[in-house]
Amino acid sequence: MEHSWLYSPNRLYLREKVLKILLSKYGSELNDGVPKYSNQSIYECAHDWVSQGNGTIHGVKQFFEDNYAKSN
């Protein structure tokens, strides 16, 4: 069975780092006591960031703001 490159140890580690960054920055923002951004949008952003072949965390906050923050 062939494993997808998305789930290689390096990609999983990158996904973990991206999630930590996004959750710490956007996961705790509240708007009238309600989370400003959904966990779903944060997880989808992390998945898309990694699956698009990005190899570092650089630019992920801007990527979230450009593509996911507007829809919340």
N, C-alpha and C. Protein backbone atom coordinates (compact mmCIF):
# COMPACT_ATOMS: atom_id res chain seq x y z
N MET A 1 0.83 -1.17 0.00
CA MET A 1 0.00 0.00 0.00
C MET A 1 0.89 1.25 0.00
N GLU A 2 0.62 2.15 -0.91
CA GLU A 2 1.39 3.38 -1.01
C GLU A 2 0.74 4.46 -0.13
N HIS A 3 1.57 5.17 0.62
CA HIS A 3 1.07 6.22 1.48
C HIS A 3 1.21 7.58 0.79
N SER A 4 0.25 8.43 1.00
CA SER A 4 0.27 9.75 0.42
C SER A 4 1.39 10.59 1.03
N TRP A 5 2.02 11.43 0.22
CA TRP A 5 3.06 12.32 0.71
C TRP A 5 2.50 13.30 1.75
N LEU A 6 1.19 13.53 1.73
CA LEU A 6 0.57 14.44 2.69
C LEU A 6 0.70 13.96 4.13
N TYR A 7 0.90 12.67 4.28
CA TYR A 7 0.96 12.09 5.62
C TYR A 7 2.34 11.58 5.98
N SER A 8 3.34 12.11 5.29
CA SER A 8 4.72 11.78 5.65
C SER A 8 5.03 12.45 6.99
N PRO A 9 6.02 11.94 7.71
CA PRO A 9 6.35 12.56 8.99
C PRO A 9 6.62 14.07 8.90
N ASN A 10 7.30 14.49 7.85
CA ASN A 10 7.60 15.92 7.70
C ASN A 10 6.33 16.73 7.49
N ARG A 11 5.41 16.22 6.69
CA ARG A 11 4.15 16.93 6.42
C ARG A 11 3.26 16.96 7.67
N LEU A 12 3.24 15.89 8.42
CA LEU A 12 2.45 15.87 9.66
C LEU A 12 3.03 16.84 10.68
N TYR A 13 4.34 16.93 10.74
CA TYR A 13 4.98 17.88 11.65
C TYR A 13 4.66 19.32 11.23
N LEU A 14 4.71 19.59 9.92
CA LEU A 14 4.37 20.92 9.43
C LEU A 14 2.91 21.25 9.74
N ARG A 15 2.03 20.30 9.52
CA ARG A 15 0.61 20.51 9.82
C ARG A 15 0.43 20.85 11.32
N GLU A 16 1.15 20.14 12.17
CA GLU A 16 1.08 20.40 13.61
C GLU A 16 1.53 21.83 13.92
N LYS A 17 2.64 22.26 13.33
CA LYS A 17 3.14 23.61 13.57
C LYS A 17 2.15 24.66 13.07
N VAL A 18 1.58 24.43 11.89
CA VAL A 18 0.61 25.36 11.32
C VAL A 18 -0.62 25.46 12.21
N LEU A 19 -1.12 24.32 12.67
CA LEU A 19 -2.28 24.33 13.55
C LEU A 19 -2.00 25.09 14.84
N LYS A 20 -0.84 24.88 15.43
CA LYS A 20 -0.49 25.59 16.66
C LYS A 20 -0.48 27.10 16.43
N ILE A 21 0.08 27.52 15.34
CA ILE A 21 0.15 28.95 15.03
C ILE A 21 -1.26 29.52 14.82
N LEU A 22 -2.04 28.85 13.99
CA LEU A 22 -3.37 29.36 13.68
C LEU A 22 -4.30 29.32 14.89
N LEU A 23 -4.25 28.24 15.65
CA LEU A 23 -5.12 28.15 16.82
C LEU A 23 -4.73 29.18 17.88
N SER A 24 -3.44 29.40 18.06
CA SER A 24 -3.04 30.37 19.08
C SER A 24 -3.36 31.80 18.64
N LYS A 25 -3.29 32.07 17.35
CA LYS A 25 -3.57 33.43 16.85
C LYS A 25 -5.07 33.67 16.67
N TYR A 26 -5.77 32.74 16.05
CA TYR A 26 -7.16 32.97 15.65
C TYR A 26 -8.18 32.17 16.47
N GLY A 27 -7.74 31.12 17.11
CA GLY A 27 -8.66 30.27 17.85
C GLY A 27 -9.20 30.88 19.12
N SER A 28 -8.51 31.88 19.63
CA SER A 28 -8.94 32.48 20.89
C SER A 28 -9.59 33.85 20.71
N GLU A 29 -9.67 34.34 19.46
CA GLU A 29 -10.30 35.63 19.23
C GLU A 29 -11.81 35.51 19.39
N LEU A 30 -12.37 36.41 20.17
CA LEU A 30 -13.81 36.38 20.42
C LEU A 30 -14.47 37.63 19.87
N ASN A 31 -15.72 37.48 19.50
CA ASN A 31 -16.56 38.57 19.05
C ASN A 31 -17.85 38.49 19.85
N ASP A 32 -18.00 39.35 20.85
CA ASP A 32 -19.15 39.31 21.77
C ASP A 32 -19.26 37.96 22.47
N GLY A 33 -18.14 37.41 22.88
CA GLY A 33 -18.12 36.15 23.62
C GLY A 33 -18.21 34.90 22.77
N VAL A 34 -18.30 35.07 21.47
CA VAL A 34 -18.40 33.95 20.53
C VAL A 34 -17.11 33.90 19.72
N PRO A 35 -16.58 32.70 19.48
CA PRO A 35 -15.36 32.62 18.68
C PRO A 35 -15.52 33.35 17.34
N LYS A 36 -14.55 34.18 17.04
CA LYS A 36 -14.59 34.96 15.80
C LYS A 36 -14.37 34.07 14.57
N TYR A 37 -13.51 33.07 14.73
CA TYR A 37 -13.19 32.16 13.63
C TYR A 37 -13.51 30.73 14.06
N SER A 38 -14.05 29.96 13.15
CA SER A 38 -14.40 28.58 13.48
C SER A 38 -13.17 27.69 13.46
N ASN A 39 -13.20 26.67 14.29
CA ASN A 39 -12.13 25.67 14.25
C ASN A 39 -12.07 25.00 12.89
N GLN A 40 -13.22 24.84 12.26
CA GLN A 40 -13.26 24.22 10.94
C GLN A 40 -12.44 25.02 9.94
N SER A 41 -12.59 26.35 9.95
CA SER A 41 -11.82 27.16 9.00
C SER A 41 -10.32 27.08 9.30
N ILE A 42 -9.96 26.99 10.56
CA ILE A 42 -8.55 26.88 10.92
C ILE A 42 -7.98 25.54 10.45
N TYR A 43 -8.71 24.46 10.67
CA TYR A 43 -8.25 23.14 10.24
C TYR A 43 -8.21 23.02 8.71
N GLU A 44 -9.20 23.60 8.04
CA GLU A 44 -9.20 23.57 6.57
C GLU A 44 -8.02 24.36 6.02
N CYS A 45 -7.72 25.48 6.64
CA CYS A 45 -6.58 26.28 6.21
C CYS A 45 -5.29 25.48 6.36
N ALA A 46 -5.12 24.83 7.51
CA ALA A 46 -3.91 24.03 7.74
C ALA A 46 -3.79 22.92 6.70
N HIS A 47 -4.89 22.25 6.43
CA HIS A 47 -4.88 21.18 5.43
C HIS A 47 -4.50 21.73 4.06
N ASP A 48 -5.14 22.82 3.68
CA ASP A 48 -4.86 23.40 2.36
C ASP A 48 -3.42 23.88 2.26
N TRP A 49 -2.91 24.50 3.32
CA TRP A 49 -1.54 24.99 3.33
C TRP A 49 -0.56 23.84 3.06
N VAL A 50 -0.75 22.75 3.75
CA VAL A 50 0.16 21.61 3.60
C VAL A 50 -0.05 20.92 2.25
N SER A 51 -1.30 20.74 1.85
CA SER A 51 -1.58 20.01 0.61
C SER A 51 -1.17 20.79 -0.64
N GLN A 52 -1.01 22.09 -0.52
CA GLN A 52 -0.54 22.89 -1.65
C GLN A 52 0.97 22.84 -1.80
N GLY A 53 1.62 22.11 -0.93
CA GLY A 53 3.06 21.89 -1.06
C GLY A 53 3.93 22.89 -0.33
N ASN A 54 3.34 23.76 0.47
CA ASN A 54 4.16 24.68 1.25
C ASN A 54 5.05 23.90 2.20
N GLY A 55 6.29 24.30 2.31
CA GLY A 55 7.24 23.56 3.12
C GLY A 55 7.60 24.21 4.43
N THR A 56 7.10 25.43 4.66
CA THR A 56 7.40 26.14 5.89
C THR A 56 6.13 26.79 6.42
N ILE A 57 6.26 27.40 7.57
CA ILE A 57 5.12 28.11 8.18
C ILE A 57 5.04 29.55 7.70
N HIS A 58 6.05 30.03 7.03
CA HIS A 58 6.12 31.43 6.62
C HIS A 58 5.00 31.78 5.64
N GLY A 59 4.18 32.73 6.05
CA GLY A 59 3.08 33.18 5.21
C GLY A 59 1.74 32.58 5.55
N VAL A 60 1.69 31.67 6.51
CA VAL A 60 0.43 30.97 6.79
C VAL A 60 -0.61 31.90 7.41
N LYS A 61 -0.19 32.87 8.22
CA LYS A 61 -1.16 33.80 8.81
C LYS A 61 -1.81 34.64 7.72
N GLN A 62 -1.02 35.13 6.79
CA GLN A 62 -1.57 35.92 5.70
C GLN A 62 -2.48 35.07 4.83
N PHE A 63 -2.08 33.82 4.61
CA PHE A 63 -2.90 32.88 3.83
C PHE A 63 -4.26 32.70 4.50
N PHE A 64 -4.28 32.54 5.82
CA PHE A 64 -5.54 32.40 6.55
C PHE A 64 -6.38 33.66 6.40
N GLU A 65 -5.76 34.82 6.61
CA GLU A 65 -6.50 36.07 6.52
C GLU A 65 -7.06 36.32 5.13
N ASP A 66 -6.29 35.97 4.11
CA ASP A 66 -6.73 36.18 2.72
C ASP A 66 -7.83 35.22 2.30
N ASN A 67 -7.81 33.99 2.83
CA ASN A 67 -8.68 32.96 2.29
C ASN A 67 -9.74 32.42 3.24
N TYR A 68 -9.57 32.60 4.53
CA TYR A 68 -10.49 31.97 5.49
C TYR A 68 -11.14 32.95 6.46
N ALA A 69 -10.45 33.99 6.83
CA ALA A 69 -10.97 34.93 7.82
C ALA A 69 -12.15 35.72 7.28
N LYS A 70 -12.19 35.95 6.01
CA LYS A 70 -13.26 36.76 5.41
C LYS A 70 -14.61 36.04 5.44
N SER A 71 -14.60 34.73 5.43
CA SER A 71 -15.85 33.98 5.33
C SER A 71 -16.48 33.71 6.69
N ASN A 72 -15.82 34.10 7.77
CA ASN A 72 -16.36 33.86 9.11
C ASN A 72 -17.18 35.03 9.59
